[in-house]
Amino acid sequence: SWPIPYIVHPLDVMYKLGKLGITDEQTLISAILHDTLEDTVTTQQELYNEFGTKVQQIVEQLTCMETDDKIKYIQSFGDMDQTYIESLIIKLVDRTCNIQDCLDAGKNKWAKNMFRKGETLWDYIEERKSEIEEIYGKATTSNILWWARKKRKKYNEI
């Protein structure tokens, strides 16, 4: 168990997105709800009813159940026909928050393993740069890419 209340994690993901310049309401709502389907009894239909199609679909794309193939799950974020760019950005921020939580708890081996298993997310961010620019503009895209490169360098040194 972690020393901080769980609610801090989704709020941290949303906060970091905001710091990168993302102000889109659907993206930020999806960030707060990103673990809802895997960690609660909330259904996809309930998400749809409360937040609409796009938020429901983003949260669904971010959901990885215990029985899911973890490699295929991570690979899905590289497919622009299968996954919203918002989902990829949220997933990358989520992964960095999880890695940092492990480091803060002194679980460096877990952090390194978590980074290695999800390292292709960093490649996908670079590959899907034009999609990010279309939605968030050049300035926010520059922030996201600079931040992602900085985090990748840091985690490669664990």
Protein backbone atom coordinates (compact mmCIF):
# COMPACT_ATOMS: atom_id res chain seq x y z
CA SER A 1 0.00 0.00 0.00
CA TRP A 2 1.11 3.56 -0.70
CA PRO A 3 1.50 6.25 1.94
CA ILE A 4 -0.86 8.70 0.17
CA PRO A 5 -4.62 8.44 -0.45
CA TYR A 6 -5.48 6.94 -3.85
CA ILE A 7 -7.46 10.01 -5.02
CA VAL A 8 -4.18 11.92 -5.19
CA HIS A 9 -3.08 9.84 -8.20
CA PRO A 10 -5.83 10.79 -10.70
CA LEU A 11 -5.68 14.40 -9.53
CA ASP A 12 -1.89 14.36 -10.02
CA VAL A 13 -2.33 13.06 -13.59
CA MET A 14 -4.82 15.83 -14.35
CA TYR A 15 -2.62 18.48 -12.70
CA LYS A 16 0.43 17.44 -14.75
CA LEU A 17 -1.59 17.61 -17.96
CA GLY A 18 -2.60 21.15 -17.05
CA LYS A 19 1.03 22.06 -16.36
CA LEU A 20 1.85 20.87 -19.89
CA GLY A 21 -0.73 23.30 -21.27
CA ILE A 22 -3.65 20.95 -21.80
CA THR A 23 -6.88 22.73 -20.92
CA ASP A 24 -9.35 20.62 -22.90
CA GLU A 25 -12.15 19.67 -20.50
CA GLN A 26 -12.73 16.18 -21.94
CA THR A 27 -9.04 15.32 -21.64
CA LEU A 28 -8.86 16.54 -18.05
CA ILE A 29 -12.07 14.74 -17.04
CA SER A 30 -10.76 11.56 -18.68
CA ALA A 31 -7.52 11.94 -16.73
CA ILE A 32 -9.38 12.05 -13.43
CA LEU A 33 -11.49 9.05 -14.43
CA HIS A 34 -8.72 7.04 -16.15
CA ASP A 35 -8.70 4.16 -13.62
CA THR A 36 -12.43 4.17 -12.92
CA LEU A 37 -13.40 1.08 -14.94
CA GLU A 38 -10.61 -1.08 -13.54
CA ASP A 39 -10.79 0.10 -9.93
CA THR A 40 -14.51 0.63 -9.28
CA VAL A 41 -17.89 -0.91 -10.11
CA THR A 42 -18.65 1.97 -12.49
CA THR A 43 -19.73 0.76 -15.93
CA GLN A 44 -19.00 2.09 -19.40
CA GLN A 45 -22.68 2.95 -19.73
CA GLU A 46 -22.55 5.06 -16.55
CA LEU A 47 -19.51 6.94 -17.86
CA TYR A 48 -21.32 7.51 -21.15
CA ASN A 49 -24.47 8.73 -19.38
CA GLU A 50 -22.55 11.16 -17.15
CA PHE A 51 -19.75 12.38 -19.45
CA GLY A 52 -20.62 11.50 -23.05
CA THR A 53 -19.11 9.34 -25.76
CA LYS A 54 -15.59 10.71 -26.00
CA VAL A 55 -14.79 10.61 -22.26
CA GLN A 56 -16.28 7.11 -22.03
CA GLN A 57 -14.17 5.93 -24.99
CA ILE A 58 -10.96 7.51 -23.68
CA VAL A 59 -11.44 5.94 -20.25
CA GLU A 60 -12.19 2.60 -21.93
CA GLN A 61 -8.96 2.88 -23.95
CA LEU A 62 -7.04 3.60 -20.75
CA THR A 63 -8.50 0.56 -19.00
CA CYS A 64 -6.35 -2.53 -18.64
CA MET A 65 -8.06 -5.31 -16.77
CA GLU A 66 -6.13 -8.11 -15.01
CA THR A 67 -6.98 -10.55 -17.82
CA ASP A 68 -5.85 -8.24 -20.65
CA ASP A 69 -2.65 -8.84 -22.59
CA LYS A 70 -0.38 -6.08 -21.21
CA ILE A 71 1.86 -5.96 -24.30
CA LYS A 72 -1.09 -5.54 -26.69
CA TYR A 73 -2.54 -2.94 -24.33
CA ILE A 74 0.61 -0.79 -24.48
CA GLN A 75 0.93 -1.33 -28.25
CA SER A 76 -2.64 -0.08 -28.79
CA PHE A 77 -1.51 3.45 -27.91
CA GLY A 78 0.65 3.59 -31.03
CA ASP A 79 -2.28 2.95 -33.37
CA MET A 80 -3.94 6.22 -34.36
CA ASP A 81 -6.89 4.31 -35.85
CA GLN A 82 -7.47 2.48 -32.57
CA THR A 83 -6.62 5.03 -29.87
CA TYR A 84 -7.32 8.71 -29.34
CA ILE A 85 -4.19 10.85 -29.00
CA GLU A 86 -5.67 12.11 -25.72
CA SER A 87 -5.54 8.53 -24.40
CA LEU A 88 -1.86 8.23 -25.28
CA ILE A 89 -0.97 11.50 -23.57
CA ILE A 90 -2.95 10.60 -20.44
CA LYS A 91 -1.36 7.13 -20.39
CA LEU A 92 2.15 8.57 -20.63
CA VAL A 93 1.49 11.02 -17.80
CA ASP A 94 -0.14 8.23 -15.77
CA ARG A 95 2.89 6.01 -16.32
CA THR A 96 5.30 8.75 -15.22
CA CYS A 97 3.22 9.36 -12.07
CA ASN A 98 3.28 5.64 -11.30
CA ILE A 99 7.04 5.45 -11.86
CA GLN A 100 7.61 8.48 -9.65
CA ASP A 101 5.40 7.00 -6.92
CA CYS A 102 7.54 3.85 -7.00
CA LEU A 103 10.74 5.90 -6.80
CA ASP A 104 9.36 7.98 -3.92
CA ALA A 105 8.50 4.75 -2.06
CA GLY A 106 12.05 3.43 -2.59
CA LYS A 107 10.84 0.78 -5.04
CA ASN A 108 13.43 1.50 -7.73
CA LYS A 109 13.30 -2.01 -9.20
CA TRP A 110 9.53 -1.68 -9.69
CA ALA A 111 10.01 1.77 -11.22
CA LYS A 112 12.60 0.50 -13.68
CA ASN A 113 10.42 -2.46 -14.64
CA MET A 114 7.39 -0.19 -15.10
CA PHE A 115 9.42 2.12 -17.35
CA ARG A 116 10.81 -0.74 -19.45
CA LYS A 117 7.38 -2.31 -19.96
CA GLY A 118 5.93 1.00 -21.12
CA GLU A 119 8.90 2.59 -22.84
CA THR A 120 7.25 2.37 -26.27
CA LEU A 121 4.76 5.00 -25.04
CA TRP A 122 7.58 7.53 -25.42
CA ASP A 123 8.15 6.38 -29.01
CA TYR A 124 4.45 6.74 -29.77
CA ILE A 125 4.40 10.32 -28.48
CA GLU A 126 7.17 11.19 -30.96
CA GLU A 127 5.50 9.29 -33.81
CA ARG A 128 2.12 10.92 -33.23
CA LYS A 129 3.44 14.50 -32.87
CA SER A 130 1.34 15.84 -35.76
CA GLU A 131 -1.86 14.61 -34.07
CA ILE A 132 -0.88 16.36 -30.85
CA GLU A 133 -0.25 19.59 -32.78
CA GLU A 134 -3.65 19.35 -34.50
CA ILE A 135 -5.48 19.19 -31.19
CA TYR A 136 -3.31 21.18 -28.78
CA GLY A 137 -1.19 23.45 -31.00
CA LYS A 138 2.56 23.82 -31.40
CA ALA A 139 3.34 25.36 -28.01
CA THR A 140 1.62 22.64 -25.99
CA THR A 141 3.10 19.98 -28.28
CA SER A 142 6.57 21.40 -27.64
CA ASN A 143 5.90 21.29 -23.89
CA ILE A 144 4.71 17.68 -24.07
CA LEU A 145 7.67 16.52 -26.19
CA TRP A 146 10.24 18.37 -24.04
CA TRP A 147 8.72 16.93 -20.86
CA ALA A 148 8.48 13.38 -22.29
CA ARG A 149 12.12 13.44 -23.44
CA LYS A 150 13.26 14.72 -20.04
CA LYS A 151 11.34 11.98 -18.20
CA ARG A 152 12.62 9.28 -20.56
CA LYS A 153 16.21 10.36 -19.97
CA LYS A 154 15.66 10.37 -16.20
CA TYR A 155 14.04 6.92 -16.16
CA ASN A 156 16.74 5.43 -18.40
CA GLU A 157 19.16 6.25 -15.59
CA ILE A 158 17.28 4.29 -12.89
